[in-house]
Amino acid sequence: MKIVLPELGEGIDKATVSYWYFKVGEKVGEKDDLVELATDKSTFNLPSPCSGMLSEIMVPEGMPVKVGEVLGIIEER
């Protein structure tokens, strides 16, 4: 399952990846805090959309991501 940056509201169209809570190959649970993101106005955690294994990180820490872009991939289990 793709991890996608959702709509952020208030005309905000991008965020920066601050921190990944899991490494590739680690198991994640649905609703676990997966990645911390920062915008000009706030910092927030994006929860995992499903349970499984984090199989790929497509946007590393410190890099920007736009709304709708894929942050990473979870292999559902």
N, C-alpha and C. Protein backbone atom coordinates (compact mmCIF):
# COMPACT_ATOMS: atom_id res chain seq x y z
N MET A 1 0.84 -1.18 0.00
CA MET A 1 0.00 0.00 0.00
C MET A 1 0.89 1.24 0.00
N LYS A 2 0.53 2.20 -0.83
CA LYS A 2 1.30 3.45 -0.90
C LYS A 2 0.97 4.35 0.28
N ILE A 3 2.00 4.98 0.83
CA ILE A 3 1.84 5.99 1.88
C ILE A 3 1.87 7.33 1.16
N VAL A 4 0.73 8.01 1.14
CA VAL A 4 0.59 9.24 0.36
C VAL A 4 0.39 10.43 1.31
N LEU A 5 1.02 11.56 0.97
CA LEU A 5 0.81 12.78 1.75
C LEU A 5 -0.60 13.28 1.48
N PRO A 6 -1.45 13.33 2.52
CA PRO A 6 -2.84 13.76 2.32
C PRO A 6 -2.96 15.28 2.18
N GLU A 7 -4.16 15.73 1.84
CA GLU A 7 -4.44 17.17 1.81
C GLU A 7 -4.13 17.75 3.19
N LEU A 8 -3.51 18.92 3.21
CA LEU A 8 -3.11 19.54 4.47
C LEU A 8 -3.98 20.74 4.84
N GLY A 9 -4.77 21.23 3.89
CA GLY A 9 -5.65 22.35 4.17
C GLY A 9 -4.94 23.68 4.17
N GLU A 10 -5.72 24.75 4.26
CA GLU A 10 -5.21 26.11 4.39
C GLU A 10 -4.22 26.50 3.30
N GLY A 11 -4.36 25.94 2.10
CA GLY A 11 -3.48 26.31 1.00
C GLY A 11 -2.08 25.75 1.10
N ILE A 12 -1.86 24.82 2.03
CA ILE A 12 -0.53 24.20 2.19
C ILE A 12 -0.45 23.04 1.21
N ASP A 13 0.58 23.06 0.34
CA ASP A 13 0.66 22.02 -0.68
C ASP A 13 1.91 21.15 -0.57
N LYS A 14 2.72 21.38 0.48
CA LYS A 14 3.92 20.56 0.65
C LYS A 14 4.32 20.52 2.11
N ALA A 15 5.16 19.53 2.41
CA ALA A 15 5.72 19.36 3.76
C ALA A 15 7.13 18.82 3.60
N THR A 16 7.87 18.81 4.69
CA THR A 16 9.21 18.24 4.69
C THR A 16 9.23 17.05 5.64
N VAL A 17 9.84 15.95 5.19
CA VAL A 17 9.96 14.77 6.05
C VAL A 17 10.98 15.08 7.13
N SER A 18 10.53 15.05 8.40
CA SER A 18 11.44 15.32 9.52
C SER A 18 12.10 14.05 10.02
N TYR A 19 11.29 12.97 10.15
CA TYR A 19 11.79 11.76 10.80
C TYR A 19 10.93 10.56 10.44
N TRP A 20 11.57 9.47 10.06
CA TRP A 20 10.88 8.19 9.88
C TRP A 20 11.01 7.40 11.18
N TYR A 21 9.88 6.94 11.73
CA TYR A 21 9.89 6.18 12.98
C TYR A 21 10.29 4.72 12.78
N PHE A 22 10.23 4.26 11.54
CA PHE A 22 10.58 2.87 11.23
C PHE A 22 11.61 2.86 10.11
N LYS A 23 12.39 1.77 10.07
CA LYS A 23 13.36 1.56 9.00
C LYS A 23 12.77 0.56 8.01
N VAL A 24 13.28 0.57 6.78
CA VAL A 24 12.84 -0.41 5.78
C VAL A 24 13.07 -1.82 6.34
N GLY A 25 12.05 -2.67 6.19
CA GLY A 25 12.13 -4.04 6.69
C GLY A 25 11.48 -4.25 8.04
N GLU A 26 11.14 -3.14 8.74
CA GLU A 26 10.51 -3.27 10.05
C GLU A 26 9.00 -3.38 9.91
N LYS A 27 8.39 -4.10 10.87
CA LYS A 27 6.95 -4.26 10.91
C LYS A 27 6.30 -3.02 11.50
N VAL A 28 5.17 -2.63 10.90
CA VAL A 28 4.40 -1.50 11.40
C VAL A 28 2.96 -1.95 11.62
N GLY A 29 2.31 -1.32 12.57
CA GLY A 29 0.91 -1.60 12.83
C GLY A 29 0.04 -0.48 12.29
N GLU A 30 -1.20 -0.82 11.93
CA GLU A 30 -2.12 0.21 11.47
C GLU A 30 -2.25 1.29 12.54
N LYS A 31 -2.19 2.53 12.15
CA LYS A 31 -2.31 3.71 13.01
C LYS A 31 -1.04 4.02 13.80
N ASP A 32 0.03 3.21 13.67
CA ASP A 32 1.31 3.57 14.30
C ASP A 32 1.81 4.87 13.67
N ASP A 33 2.43 5.74 14.48
CA ASP A 33 3.07 6.92 13.91
C ASP A 33 4.19 6.43 12.99
N LEU A 34 4.10 6.82 11.73
CA LEU A 34 5.01 6.30 10.72
C LEU A 34 6.10 7.30 10.36
N VAL A 35 5.68 8.54 10.17
CA VAL A 35 6.62 9.56 9.71
C VAL A 35 6.20 10.92 10.28
N GLU A 36 7.20 11.71 10.68
CA GLU A 36 6.93 13.07 11.15
C GLU A 36 7.18 14.03 9.99
N LEU A 37 6.22 14.93 9.80
CA LEU A 37 6.30 15.90 8.72
C LEU A 37 6.19 17.31 9.27
N ALA A 38 6.83 18.25 8.61
CA ALA A 38 6.79 19.64 9.04
C ALA A 38 6.35 20.53 7.87
N THR A 39 5.49 21.49 8.19
CA THR A 39 5.12 22.54 7.23
C THR A 39 5.58 23.86 7.83
N ASP A 40 5.30 24.95 7.13
CA ASP A 40 5.66 26.27 7.66
C ASP A 40 4.91 26.57 8.96
N LYS A 41 3.74 25.95 9.13
CA LYS A 41 2.89 26.27 10.27
C LYS A 41 2.90 25.24 11.39
N SER A 42 3.22 23.99 11.09
CA SER A 42 3.13 22.97 12.13
C SER A 42 3.98 21.74 11.83
N THR A 43 4.09 20.90 12.85
CA THR A 43 4.73 19.59 12.71
C THR A 43 3.69 18.56 13.12
N PHE A 44 3.60 17.48 12.37
CA PHE A 44 2.59 16.46 12.67
C PHE A 44 3.09 15.09 12.28
N ASN A 45 2.46 14.06 12.87
CA ASN A 45 2.78 12.67 12.54
C ASN A 45 1.73 12.12 11.59
N LEU A 46 2.19 11.34 10.62
CA LEU A 46 1.29 10.66 9.70
C LEU A 46 1.22 9.20 10.13
N PRO A 47 0.01 8.70 10.46
CA PRO A 47 -0.11 7.31 10.89
C PRO A 47 -0.05 6.33 9.72
N SER A 48 0.31 5.11 10.02
CA SER A 48 0.34 4.06 9.00
C SER A 48 -1.08 3.75 8.55
N PRO A 49 -1.31 3.64 7.24
CA PRO A 49 -2.66 3.33 6.75
C PRO A 49 -3.04 1.86 6.90
N CYS A 50 -2.06 1.00 7.21
CA CYS A 50 -2.34 -0.43 7.34
C CYS A 50 -1.21 -1.10 8.13
N SER A 51 -1.41 -2.37 8.47
CA SER A 51 -0.36 -3.16 9.11
C SER A 51 0.47 -3.83 8.03
N GLY A 52 1.74 -4.05 8.33
CA GLY A 52 2.60 -4.73 7.37
C GLY A 52 4.05 -4.41 7.62
N MET A 53 4.84 -4.45 6.54
CA MET A 53 6.27 -4.19 6.63
C MET A 53 6.59 -2.98 5.76
N LEU A 54 7.35 -2.05 6.31
CA LEU A 54 7.79 -0.91 5.52
C LEU A 54 8.80 -1.42 4.50
N SER A 55 8.40 -1.46 3.24
CA SER A 55 9.27 -2.06 2.23
C SER A 55 10.09 -1.05 1.44
N GLU A 56 9.67 0.22 1.46
CA GLU A 56 10.43 1.23 0.72
C GLU A 56 10.14 2.62 1.28
N ILE A 57 11.20 3.42 1.41
CA ILE A 57 11.07 4.83 1.75
C ILE A 57 11.47 5.60 0.50
N MET A 58 10.53 6.35 -0.05
CA MET A 58 10.78 7.06 -1.30
C MET A 58 11.20 8.52 -1.08
N VAL A 59 10.86 9.07 0.10
CA VAL A 59 11.25 10.45 0.43
C VAL A 59 12.03 10.41 1.73
N PRO A 60 13.35 10.57 1.66
CA PRO A 60 14.17 10.49 2.88
C PRO A 60 14.01 11.71 3.78
N GLU A 61 14.50 11.58 5.01
CA GLU A 61 14.44 12.68 5.97
C GLU A 61 15.14 13.92 5.40
N GLY A 62 14.50 15.07 5.65
CA GLY A 62 15.06 16.33 5.19
C GLY A 62 14.61 16.76 3.80
N MET A 63 13.87 15.87 3.11
CA MET A 63 13.43 16.17 1.75
C MET A 63 11.97 16.62 1.72
N PRO A 64 11.63 17.51 0.78
CA PRO A 64 10.24 17.97 0.66
C PRO A 64 9.38 16.96 -0.08
N VAL A 65 8.07 17.02 0.18
CA VAL A 65 7.10 16.17 -0.50
C VAL A 65 5.84 16.99 -0.72
N LYS A 66 5.22 16.81 -1.88
CA LYS A 66 4.00 17.55 -2.20
C LYS A 66 2.77 16.70 -1.89
N VAL A 67 1.65 17.36 -1.63
CA VAL A 67 0.38 16.67 -1.40
C VAL A 67 0.12 15.72 -2.57
N GLY A 68 -0.25 14.48 -2.24
CA GLY A 68 -0.54 13.48 -3.27
C GLY A 68 0.66 12.63 -3.67
N GLU A 69 1.87 13.05 -3.29
CA GLU A 69 3.06 12.27 -3.63
C GLU A 69 3.21 11.08 -2.68
N VAL A 70 3.86 10.04 -3.16
CA VAL A 70 4.08 8.82 -2.39
C VAL A 70 5.34 8.97 -1.53
N LEU A 71 5.16 8.78 -0.22
CA LEU A 71 6.27 8.86 0.74
C LEU A 71 7.02 7.54 0.84
N GLY A 72 6.28 6.45 0.74
CA GLY A 72 6.87 5.13 0.88
C GLY A 72 5.84 4.05 0.58
N ILE A 73 6.26 2.80 0.78
CA ILE A 73 5.41 1.65 0.48
C ILE A 73 5.37 0.71 1.69
N ILE A 74 4.17 0.25 2.03
CA ILE A 74 4.02 -0.78 3.05
C ILE A 74 3.51 -2.04 2.38
N GLU A 75 4.23 -3.12 2.62
CA GLU A 75 3.80 -4.43 2.12
C GLU A 75 2.84 -5.01 3.15
N GLU A 76 1.56 -5.09 2.79
CA GLU A 76 0.55 -5.54 3.74
C GLU A 76 0.76 -7.01 4.09
N ARG A 77 0.51 -7.33 5.37
CA ARG A 77 0.68 -8.71 5.84
C ARG A 77 -0.57 -9.16 6.53
